[in-house]
Amino acid sequence: MSGRKIPDAAGYDPNRVLDAIMEKLHLKNDAALSRALEVAPPVISKIRHRTLPIGATILLRMHEVSNFSIRELRALMAVQPGNPAAA
């Protein structure tokens, strides 16, 4: 998927879940997040820029590392009403 963005209409905001995990784990930046999740830094960048969706494997890793439930993680990924990302 070189350069293709995930449609905004997908009702999906990956930054909310990444930021929530960073806050919960007291991480300073995406590099620290990539180390915590044991993924390469470009994976976090691609997720943030919506060129790579959060798949099942990384969702499970997020759950293991953060202790957020899968339901909580999925709710964090959903675009919230009034959120500028929804536009």
PDB file of N, CA and C in Angstrom:
ATOM      1  N   MET A   1       0.841  -1.190   0.000  1.00  0.00           N
ATOM      2  CA  MET A   1       0.000   0.000   0.000  1.00  0.00           C
ATOM      3  C   MET A   1       0.875   1.239   0.000  1.00  0.00           C
ATOM      4  N   SER A   2       1.640   1.425  -0.965  1.00  0.00           N
ATOM      5  CA  SER A   2       2.565   2.546  -0.982  1.00  0.00           C
ATOM      6  C   SER A   2       1.840   3.865  -1.168  1.00  0.00           C
ATOM      7  N   GLY A   3       1.864   4.690  -0.116  1.00  0.00           N
ATOM      8  CA  GLY A   3       1.315   6.027  -0.196  1.00  0.00           C
ATOM      9  C   GLY A   3      -0.199   6.139  -0.144  1.00  0.00           C
ATOM     10  N   ARG A   4      -0.910   5.045  -0.047  1.00  0.00           N
ATOM     11  CA  ARG A   4      -2.376   5.112  -0.004  1.00  0.00           C
ATOM     12  C   ARG A   4      -2.832   5.328   1.422  1.00  0.00           C
ATOM     13  N   LYS A   5      -3.757   6.264   1.583  1.00  0.00           N
ATOM     14  CA  LYS A   5      -4.296   6.560   2.907  1.00  0.00           C
ATOM     15  C   LYS A   5      -5.559   5.752   3.150  1.00  0.00           C
ATOM     16  N   ILE A   6      -5.767   5.421   4.412  1.00  0.00           N
ATOM     17  CA  ILE A   6      -7.017   4.796   4.820  1.00  0.00           C
ATOM     18  C   ILE A   6      -8.076   5.887   4.778  1.00  0.00           C
ATOM     19  N   PRO A   7      -9.215   5.642   4.171  1.00  0.00           N
ATOM     20  CA  PRO A   7     -10.240   6.689   4.065  1.00  0.00           C
ATOM     21  C   PRO A   7     -10.664   7.224   5.426  1.00  0.00           C
ATOM     22  N   ASP A   8     -10.807   8.547   5.525  1.00  0.00           N
ATOM     23  CA  ASP A   8     -11.259   9.166   6.769  1.00  0.00           C
ATOM     24  C   ASP A   8     -12.661   8.701   7.141  1.00  0.00           C
ATOM     25  N   ALA A   9     -13.440   8.357   6.150  1.00  0.00           N
ATOM     26  CA  ALA A   9     -14.813   7.928   6.398  1.00  0.00           C
ATOM     27  C   ALA A   9     -14.874   6.584   7.113  1.00  0.00           C
ATOM     28  N   ALA A  10     -13.728   5.958   7.328  1.00  0.00           N
ATOM     29  CA  ALA A  10     -13.700   4.659   7.990  1.00  0.00           C
ATOM     30  C   ALA A  10     -14.084   4.765   9.468  1.00  0.00           C
ATOM     31  N   GLY A  11     -14.250   5.990   9.985  1.00  0.00           N
ATOM     32  CA  GLY A  11     -14.614   6.155  11.391  1.00  0.00           C
ATOM     33  C   GLY A  11     -13.499   5.732  12.312  1.00  0.00           C
ATOM     34  N   TYR A  12     -12.281   6.107  11.967  1.00  0.00           N
ATOM     35  CA  TYR A  12     -11.104   5.559  12.608  1.00  0.00           C
ATOM     36  C   TYR A  12     -10.109   6.677  12.875  1.00  0.00           C
ATOM     37  N   ASP A  13      -9.672   6.799  14.135  1.00  0.00           N
ATOM     38  CA  ASP A  13      -8.672   7.808  14.506  1.00  0.00           C
ATOM     39  C   ASP A  13      -7.558   7.122  15.287  1.00  0.00           C
ATOM     40  N   PRO A  14      -6.493   6.695  14.603  1.00  0.00           N
ATOM     41  CA  PRO A  14      -5.434   5.944  15.281  1.00  0.00           C
ATOM     42  C   PRO A  14      -4.652   6.777  16.294  1.00  0.00           C
ATOM     43  N   ASN A  15      -4.613   8.075  16.120  1.00  0.00           N
ATOM     44  CA  ASN A  15      -3.818   8.910  17.024  1.00  0.00           C
ATOM     45  C   ASN A  15      -4.348   8.874  18.452  1.00  0.00           C
ATOM     46  N   ARG A  16      -5.642   8.790  18.615  1.00  0.00           N
ATOM     47  CA  ARG A  16      -6.217   8.745  19.970  1.00  0.00           C
ATOM     48  C   ARG A  16      -5.724   7.535  20.744  1.00  0.00           C
ATOM     49  N   VAL A  17      -5.702   6.367  20.111  1.00  0.00           N
ATOM     50  CA  VAL A  17      -5.273   5.161  20.820  1.00  0.00           C
ATOM     51  C   VAL A  17      -3.771   5.197  21.087  1.00  0.00           C
ATOM     52  N   LEU A  18      -2.995   5.670  20.127  1.00  0.00           N
ATOM     53  CA  LEU A  18      -1.547   5.763  20.339  1.00  0.00           C
ATOM     54  C   LEU A  18      -1.232   6.738  21.464  1.00  0.00           C
ATOM     55  N   ASP A  19      -1.894   7.885  21.452  1.00  0.00           N
ATOM     56  CA  ASP A  19      -1.663   8.888  22.502  1.00  0.00           C
ATOM     57  C   ASP A  19      -2.100   8.377  23.874  1.00  0.00           C
ATOM     58  N   ALA A  20      -3.201   7.644  23.933  1.00  0.00           N
ATOM     59  CA  ALA A  20      -3.685   7.110  25.210  1.00  0.00           C
ATOM     60  C   ALA A  20      -2.690   6.101  25.788  1.00  0.00           C
ATOM     61  N   ILE A  21      -2.129   5.275  24.930  1.00  0.00           N
ATOM     62  CA  ILE A  21      -1.138   4.300  25.394  1.00  0.00           C
ATOM     63  C   ILE A  21       0.125   5.022  25.865  1.00  0.00           C
ATOM     64  N   MET A  22       0.546   6.032  25.107  1.00  0.00           N
ATOM     65  CA  MET A  22       1.724   6.805  25.513  1.00  0.00           C
ATOM     66  C   MET A  22       1.505   7.453  26.878  1.00  0.00           C
ATOM     67  N   GLU A  23       0.326   8.000  27.082  1.00  0.00           N
ATOM     68  CA  GLU A  23       0.019   8.653  28.355  1.00  0.00           C
ATOM     69  C   GLU A  23       0.007   7.634  29.493  1.00  0.00           C
ATOM     70  N   LYS A  24      -0.643   6.504  29.271  1.00  0.00           N
ATOM     71  CA  LYS A  24      -0.745   5.489  30.322  1.00  0.00           C
ATOM     72  C   LYS A  24       0.621   4.932  30.712  1.00  0.00           C
ATOM     73  N   LEU A  25       1.507   4.770  29.719  1.00  0.00           N
ATOM     74  CA  LEU A  25       2.829   4.205  29.977  1.00  0.00           C
ATOM     75  C   LEU A  25       3.881   5.274  30.278  1.00  0.00           C
ATOM     76  N   HIS A  26       3.463   6.540  30.295  1.00  0.00           N
ATOM     77  CA  HIS A  26       4.367   7.672  30.556  1.00  0.00           C
ATOM     78  C   HIS A  26       5.537   7.698  29.563  1.00  0.00           C
ATOM     79  N   LEU A  27       5.201   7.554  28.288  1.00  0.00           N
ATOM     80  CA  LEU A  27       6.206   7.579  27.222  1.00  0.00           C
ATOM     81  C   LEU A  27       6.290   8.973  26.632  1.00  0.00           C
ATOM     82  N   LYS A  28       7.488   9.382  26.246  1.00  0.00           N
ATOM     83  CA  LYS A  28       7.696  10.748  25.769  1.00  0.00           C
ATOM     84  C   LYS A  28       7.435  10.929  24.281  1.00  0.00           C
ATOM     85  N   ASN A  29       7.634   9.871  23.492  1.00  0.00           N
ATOM     86  CA  ASN A  29       7.519  10.052  22.041  1.00  0.00           C
ATOM     87  C   ASN A  29       7.213   8.724  21.351  1.00  0.00           C
ATOM     88  N   ASP A  30       7.049   8.806  20.037  1.00  0.00           N
ATOM     89  CA  ASP A  30       6.704   7.621  19.258  1.00  0.00           C
ATOM     90  C   ASP A  30       7.827   6.591  19.240  1.00  0.00           C
ATOM     91  N   ALA A  31       9.074   7.034  19.353  1.00  0.00           N
ATOM     92  CA  ALA A  31      10.188   6.083  19.396  1.00  0.00           C
ATOM     93  C   ALA A  31      10.088   5.209  20.644  1.00  0.00           C
ATOM     94  N   ALA A  32       9.761   5.822  21.774  1.00  0.00           N
ATOM     95  CA  ALA A  32       9.579   5.057  23.012  1.00  0.00           C
ATOM     96  C   ALA A  32       8.373   4.122  22.889  1.00  0.00           C
ATOM     97  N   LEU A  33       7.321   4.589  22.226  1.00  0.00           N
ATOM     98  CA  LEU A  33       6.142   3.753  22.014  1.00  0.00           C
ATOM     99  C   LEU A  33       6.486   2.547  21.146  1.00  0.00           C
ATOM    100  N   SER A  34       7.254   2.768  20.102  1.00  0.00           N
ATOM    101  CA  SER A  34       7.631   1.650  19.226  1.00  0.00           C
ATOM    102  C   SER A  34       8.458   0.618  19.991  1.00  0.00           C
ATOM    103  N   ARG A  35       9.325   1.074  20.880  1.00  0.00           N
ATOM    104  CA  ARG A  35      10.101   0.127  21.697  1.00  0.00           C
ATOM    105  C   ARG A  35       9.182  -0.650  22.648  1.00  0.00           C
ATOM    106  N   ALA A  36       8.225   0.044  23.267  1.00  0.00           N
ATOM    107  CA  ALA A  36       7.301  -0.615  24.192  1.00  0.00           C
ATOM    108  C   ALA A  36       6.450  -1.667  23.476  1.00  0.00           C
ATOM    109  N   LEU A  37       6.032  -1.352  22.258  1.00  0.00           N
ATOM    110  CA  LEU A  37       5.197  -2.279  21.488  1.00  0.00           C
ATOM    111  C   LEU A  37       6.020  -3.300  20.705  1.00  0.00           C
ATOM    112  N   GLU A  38       7.345  -3.106  20.719  1.00  0.00           N
ATOM    113  CA  GLU A  38       8.260  -3.982  19.997  1.00  0.00           C
ATOM    114  C   GLU A  38       7.965  -4.032  18.502  1.00  0.00           C
ATOM    115  N   VAL A  39       7.780  -2.834  17.930  1.00  0.00           N
ATOM    116  CA  VAL A  39       7.615  -2.691  16.480  1.00  0.00           C
ATOM    117  C   VAL A  39       8.612  -1.651  16.002  1.00  0.00           C
ATOM    118  N   ALA A  40       8.900  -1.662  14.730  1.00  0.00           N
ATOM    119  CA  ALA A  40       9.820  -0.684  14.158  1.00  0.00           C
ATOM    120  C   ALA A  40       9.175   0.704  14.180  1.00  0.00           C
ATOM    121  N   PRO A  41       9.968   1.756  14.410  1.00  0.00           N
ATOM    122  CA  PRO A  41       9.409   3.114  14.441  1.00  0.00           C
ATOM    123  C   PRO A  41       8.570   3.487  13.217  1.00  0.00           C
ATOM    124  N   PRO A  42       8.951   3.041  12.005  1.00  0.00           N
ATOM    125  CA  PRO A  42       8.094   3.392  10.854  1.00  0.00           C
ATOM    126  C   PRO A  42       6.669   2.841  10.951  1.00  0.00           C
ATOM    127  N   VAL A  43       6.468   1.770  11.703  1.00  0.00           N
ATOM    128  CA  VAL A  43       5.121   1.216  11.863  1.00  0.00           C
ATOM    129  C   VAL A  43       4.235   2.227  12.581  1.00  0.00           C
ATOM    130  N   ILE A  44       4.761   2.833  13.648  1.00  0.00           N
ATOM    131  CA  ILE A  44       3.988   3.843  14.384  1.00  0.00           C
ATOM    132  C   ILE A  44       3.705   5.039  13.478  1.00  0.00           C
ATOM    133  N   SER A  45       4.710   5.462  12.728  1.00  0.00           N
ATOM    134  CA  SER A  45       4.530   6.591  11.813  1.00  0.00           C
ATOM    135  C   SER A  45       3.457   6.291  10.765  1.00  0.00           C
ATOM    136  N   LYS A  46       3.486   5.101  10.201  1.00  0.00           N
ATOM    137  CA  LYS A  46       2.489   4.731   9.185  1.00  0.00           C
ATOM    138  C   LYS A  46       1.088   4.663   9.773  1.00  0.00           C
ATOM    139  N   ILE A  47       0.984   4.187  11.016  1.00  0.00           N
ATOM    140  CA  ILE A  47      -0.325   4.154  11.672  1.00  0.00           C
ATOM    141  C   ILE A  47      -0.810   5.582  11.900  1.00  0.00           C
ATOM    142  N   ARG A  48       0.066   6.456  12.407  1.00  0.00           N
ATOM    143  CA  ARG A  48      -0.310   7.859  12.664  1.00  0.00           C
ATOM    144  C   ARG A  48      -0.745   8.575  11.387  1.00  0.00           C
ATOM    145  N   HIS A  49      -0.078   8.275  10.274  1.00  0.00           N
ATOM    146  CA  HIS A  49      -0.386   8.944   9.007  1.00  0.00           C
ATOM    147  C   HIS A  49      -1.443   8.194   8.200  1.00  0.00           C
ATOM    148  N   ARG A  50      -2.044   7.197   8.830  1.00  0.00           N
ATOM    149  CA  ARG A  50      -3.154   6.437   8.249  1.00  0.00           C
ATOM    150  C   ARG A  50      -2.814   5.732   6.942  1.00  0.00           C
ATOM    151  N   THR A  51      -1.574   5.291   6.822  1.00  0.00           N
ATOM    152  CA  THR A  51      -1.223   4.478   5.662  1.00  0.00           C
ATOM    153  C   THR A  51      -1.164   3.004   6.039  1.00  0.00           C
ATOM    154  N   LEU A  52      -1.239   2.719   7.347  1.00  0.00           N
ATOM    155  CA  LEU A  52      -1.258   1.345   7.844  1.00  0.00           C
ATOM    156  C   LEU A  52      -2.326   1.262   8.932  1.00  0.00           C
ATOM    157  N   PRO A  53      -3.290   0.380   8.778  1.00  0.00           N
ATOM    158  CA  PRO A  53      -4.315   0.253   9.822  1.00  0.00           C
ATOM    159  C   PRO A  53      -3.761  -0.479  11.038  1.00  0.00           C
ATOM    160  N   ILE A  54      -4.419  -0.306  12.160  1.00  0.00           N
ATOM    161  CA  ILE A  54      -4.064  -1.072  13.347  1.00  0.00           C
ATOM    162  C   ILE A  54      -4.672  -2.453  13.163  1.00  0.00           C
ATOM    163  N   GLY A  55      -3.823  -3.419  12.918  1.00  0.00           N
ATOM    164  CA  GLY A  55      -4.275  -4.785  12.690  1.00  0.00           C
ATOM    165  C   GLY A  55      -4.409  -5.556  13.994  1.00  0.00           C
ATOM    166  N   ALA A  56      -4.851  -6.789  13.872  1.00  0.00           N
ATOM    167  CA  ALA A  56      -5.101  -7.633  15.039  1.00  0.00           C
ATOM    168  C   ALA A  56      -3.839  -7.860  15.865  1.00  0.00           C
ATOM    169  N   THR A  57      -2.715  -8.081  15.209  1.00  0.00           N
ATOM    170  CA  THR A  57      -1.479  -8.382  15.931  1.00  0.00           C
ATOM    171  C   THR A  57      -1.037  -7.208  16.785  1.00  0.00           C
ATOM    172  N   ILE A  58      -1.021  -6.013  16.215  1.00  0.00           N
ATOM    173  CA  ILE A  58      -0.594  -4.855  17.000  1.00  0.00           C
ATOM    174  C   ILE A  58      -1.644  -4.476  18.035  1.00  0.00           C
ATOM    175  N   LEU A  59      -2.920  -4.703  17.729  1.00  0.00           N
ATOM    176  CA  LEU A  59      -3.977  -4.447  18.707  1.00  0.00           C
ATOM    177  C   LEU A  59      -3.784  -5.343  19.944  1.00  0.00           C
ATOM    178  N   LEU A  60      -3.465  -6.604  19.724  1.00  0.00           N
ATOM    179  CA  LEU A  60      -3.197  -7.504  20.849  1.00  0.00           C
ATOM    180  C   LEU A  60      -1.963  -7.070  21.631  1.00  0.00           C
ATOM    181  N   ARG A  61      -0.945  -6.613  20.916  1.00  0.00           N
ATOM    182  CA  ARG A  61       0.268  -6.141  21.603  1.00  0.00           C
ATOM    183  C   ARG A  61      -0.047  -4.894  22.426  1.00  0.00           C
ATOM    184  N   MET A  62      -0.860  -4.001  21.893  1.00  0.00           N
ATOM    185  CA  MET A  62      -1.269  -2.810  22.639  1.00  0.00           C
ATOM    186  C   MET A  62      -1.994  -3.215  23.922  1.00  0.00           C
ATOM    187  N   HIS A  63      -2.852  -4.209  23.807  1.00  0.00           N
ATOM    188  CA  HIS A  63      -3.595  -4.723  24.967  1.00  0.00           C
ATOM    189  C   HIS A  63      -2.631  -5.290  26.013  1.00  0.00           C
ATOM    190  N   GLU A  64      -1.679  -6.095  25.574  1.00  0.00           N
ATOM    191  CA  GLU A  64      -0.725  -6.720  26.494  1.00  0.00           C
ATOM    192  C   GLU A  64       0.116  -5.686  27.233  1.00  0.00           C
ATOM    193  N   VAL A  65       0.571  -4.673  26.507  1.00  0.00           N
ATOM    194  CA  VAL A  65       1.480  -3.675  27.077  1.00  0.00           C
ATOM    195  C   VAL A  65       0.736  -2.674  27.963  1.00  0.00           C
ATOM    196  N   SER A  66      -0.449  -2.264  27.548  1.00  0.00           N
ATOM    197  CA  SER A  66      -1.147  -1.167  28.236  1.00  0.00           C
ATOM    198  C   SER A  66      -2.163  -1.628  29.275  1.00  0.00           C
ATOM    199  N   ASN A  67      -2.587  -2.874  29.180  1.00  0.00           N
ATOM    200  CA  ASN A  67      -3.673  -3.396  30.015  1.00  0.00           C
ATOM    201  C   ASN A  67      -5.017  -2.732  29.735  1.00  0.00           C
ATOM    202  N   PHE A  68      -5.128  -1.972  28.621  1.00  0.00           N
ATOM    203  CA  PHE A  68      -6.440  -1.542  28.150  1.00  0.00           C
ATOM    204  C   PHE A  68      -7.110  -2.788  27.594  1.00  0.00           C
ATOM    205  N   SER A  69      -8.412  -2.916  27.785  1.00  0.00           N
ATOM    206  CA  SER A  69      -9.118  -4.041  27.180  1.00  0.00           C
ATOM    207  C   SER A  69      -9.197  -3.806  25.669  1.00  0.00           C
ATOM    208  N   ILE A  70      -9.439  -4.881  24.937  1.00  0.00           N
ATOM    209  CA  ILE A  70      -9.604  -4.748  23.485  1.00  0.00           C
ATOM    210  C   ILE A  70     -10.770  -3.813  23.194  1.00  0.00           C
ATOM    211  N   ARG A  71     -11.833  -3.930  23.960  1.00  0.00           N
ATOM    212  CA  ARG A  71     -12.998  -3.055  23.779  1.00  0.00           C
ATOM    213  C   ARG A  71     -12.601  -1.590  23.976  1.00  0.00           C
ATOM    214  N   GLU A  72     -11.794  -1.292  25.011  1.00  0.00           N
ATOM    215  CA  GLU A  72     -11.349   0.084  25.250  1.00  0.00           C
ATOM    216  C   GLU A  72     -10.483   0.591  24.098  1.00  0.00           C
ATOM    217  N   LEU A  73      -9.581  -0.259  23.615  1.00  0.00           N
ATOM    218  CA  LEU A  73      -8.717   0.144  22.501  1.00  0.00           C
ATOM    219  C   LEU A  73      -9.542   0.437  21.254  1.00  0.00           C
ATOM    220  N   ARG A  74     -10.508  -0.413  20.962  1.00  0.00           N
ATOM    221  CA  ARG A  74     -11.359  -0.195  19.785  1.00  0.00           C
ATOM    222  C   ARG A  74     -12.184   1.078  19.942  1.00  0.00           C
ATOM    223  N   ALA A  75     -12.658   1.339  21.153  1.00  0.00           N
ATOM    224  CA  ALA A  75     -13.416   2.575  21.395  1.00  0.00           C
ATOM    225  C   ALA A  75     -12.522   3.798  21.217  1.00  0.00           C
ATOM    226  N   LEU A  76     -11.274   3.706  21.632  1.00  0.00           N
ATOM    227  CA  LEU A  76     -10.337   4.821  21.456  1.00  0.00           C
ATOM    228  C   LEU A  76     -10.052   5.099  19.976  1.00  0.00           C
ATOM    229  N   MET A  77     -10.093   4.059  19.158  1.00  0.00           N
ATOM    230  CA  MET A  77      -9.821   4.223  17.726  1.00  0.00           C
ATOM    231  C   MET A  77     -10.977   4.870  16.984  1.00  0.00           C
ATOM    232  N   ALA A  78     -12.170   4.796  17.536  1.00  0.00           N
ATOM    233  CA  ALA A  78     -13.346   5.336  16.852  1.00  0.00           C
ATOM    234  C   ALA A  78     -13.311   6.859  16.861  1.00  0.00           C
ATOM    235  N   VAL A  79     -13.706   7.451  15.756  1.00  0.00           N
ATOM    236  CA  VAL A  79     -13.792   8.909  15.664  1.00  0.00           C
ATOM    237  C   VAL A  79     -14.919   9.373  16.567  1.00  0.00           C
ATOM    238  N   GLN A  80     -14.627  10.339  17.415  1.00  0.00           N
ATOM    239  CA  GLN A  80     -15.606  10.871  18.350  1.00  0.00           C
ATOM    240  C   GLN A  80     -16.380  12.015  17.684  1.00  0.00           C
ATOM    241  N   PRO A  81     -17.676  12.157  17.974  1.00  0.00           N
ATOM    242  CA  PRO A  81     -18.444  13.278  17.436  1.00  0.00           C
ATOM    243  C   PRO A  81     -17.803  14.608  17.834  1.00  0.00           C
ATOM    244  N   GLY A  82     -17.704  15.501  16.884  1.00  0.00           N
ATOM    245  CA  GLY A  82     -17.109  16.812  17.131  1.00  0.00           C
ATOM    246  C   GLY A  82     -15.590  16.825  17.029  1.00  0.00           C
ATOM    247  N   ASN A  83     -14.981  15.650  16.772  1.00  0.00           N
ATOM    248  CA  ASN A  83     -13.535  15.553  16.635  1.00  0.00           C
ATOM    249  C   ASN A  83     -13.153  16.050  15.249  1.00  0.00           C
ATOM    250  N   PRO A  84     -12.164  16.951  15.154  1.00  0.00           N
ATOM    251  CA  PRO A  84     -11.751  17.452  13.839  1.00  0.00           C
ATOM    252  C   PRO A  84     -11.292  16.351  12.894  1.00  0.00           C
ATOM    253  N   ALA A  85     -10.829  15.227  13.421  1.00  0.00           N
ATOM    254  CA  ALA A  85     -10.394  14.133  12.556  1.00  0.00           C
ATOM    255  C   ALA A  85     -11.558  13.531  11.794  1.00  0.00           C
ATOM    256  N   ALA A  86     -12.766  13.756  12.276  1.00  0.00           N
ATOM    257  CA  ALA A  86     -13.943  13.212  11.609  1.00  0.00           C
ATOM    258  C   ALA A  86     -14.283  13.977  10.337  1.00  0.00           C
ATOM    259  N   ALA A  87     -13.753  15.190  10.208  1.00  0.00           N
ATOM    260  CA  ALA A  87     -14.070  16.009   9.036  1.00  0.00           C
ATOM    261  C   ALA A  87     -13.291  15.598   7.821  1.00  0.00           C
TER     262      ALA A  87
END
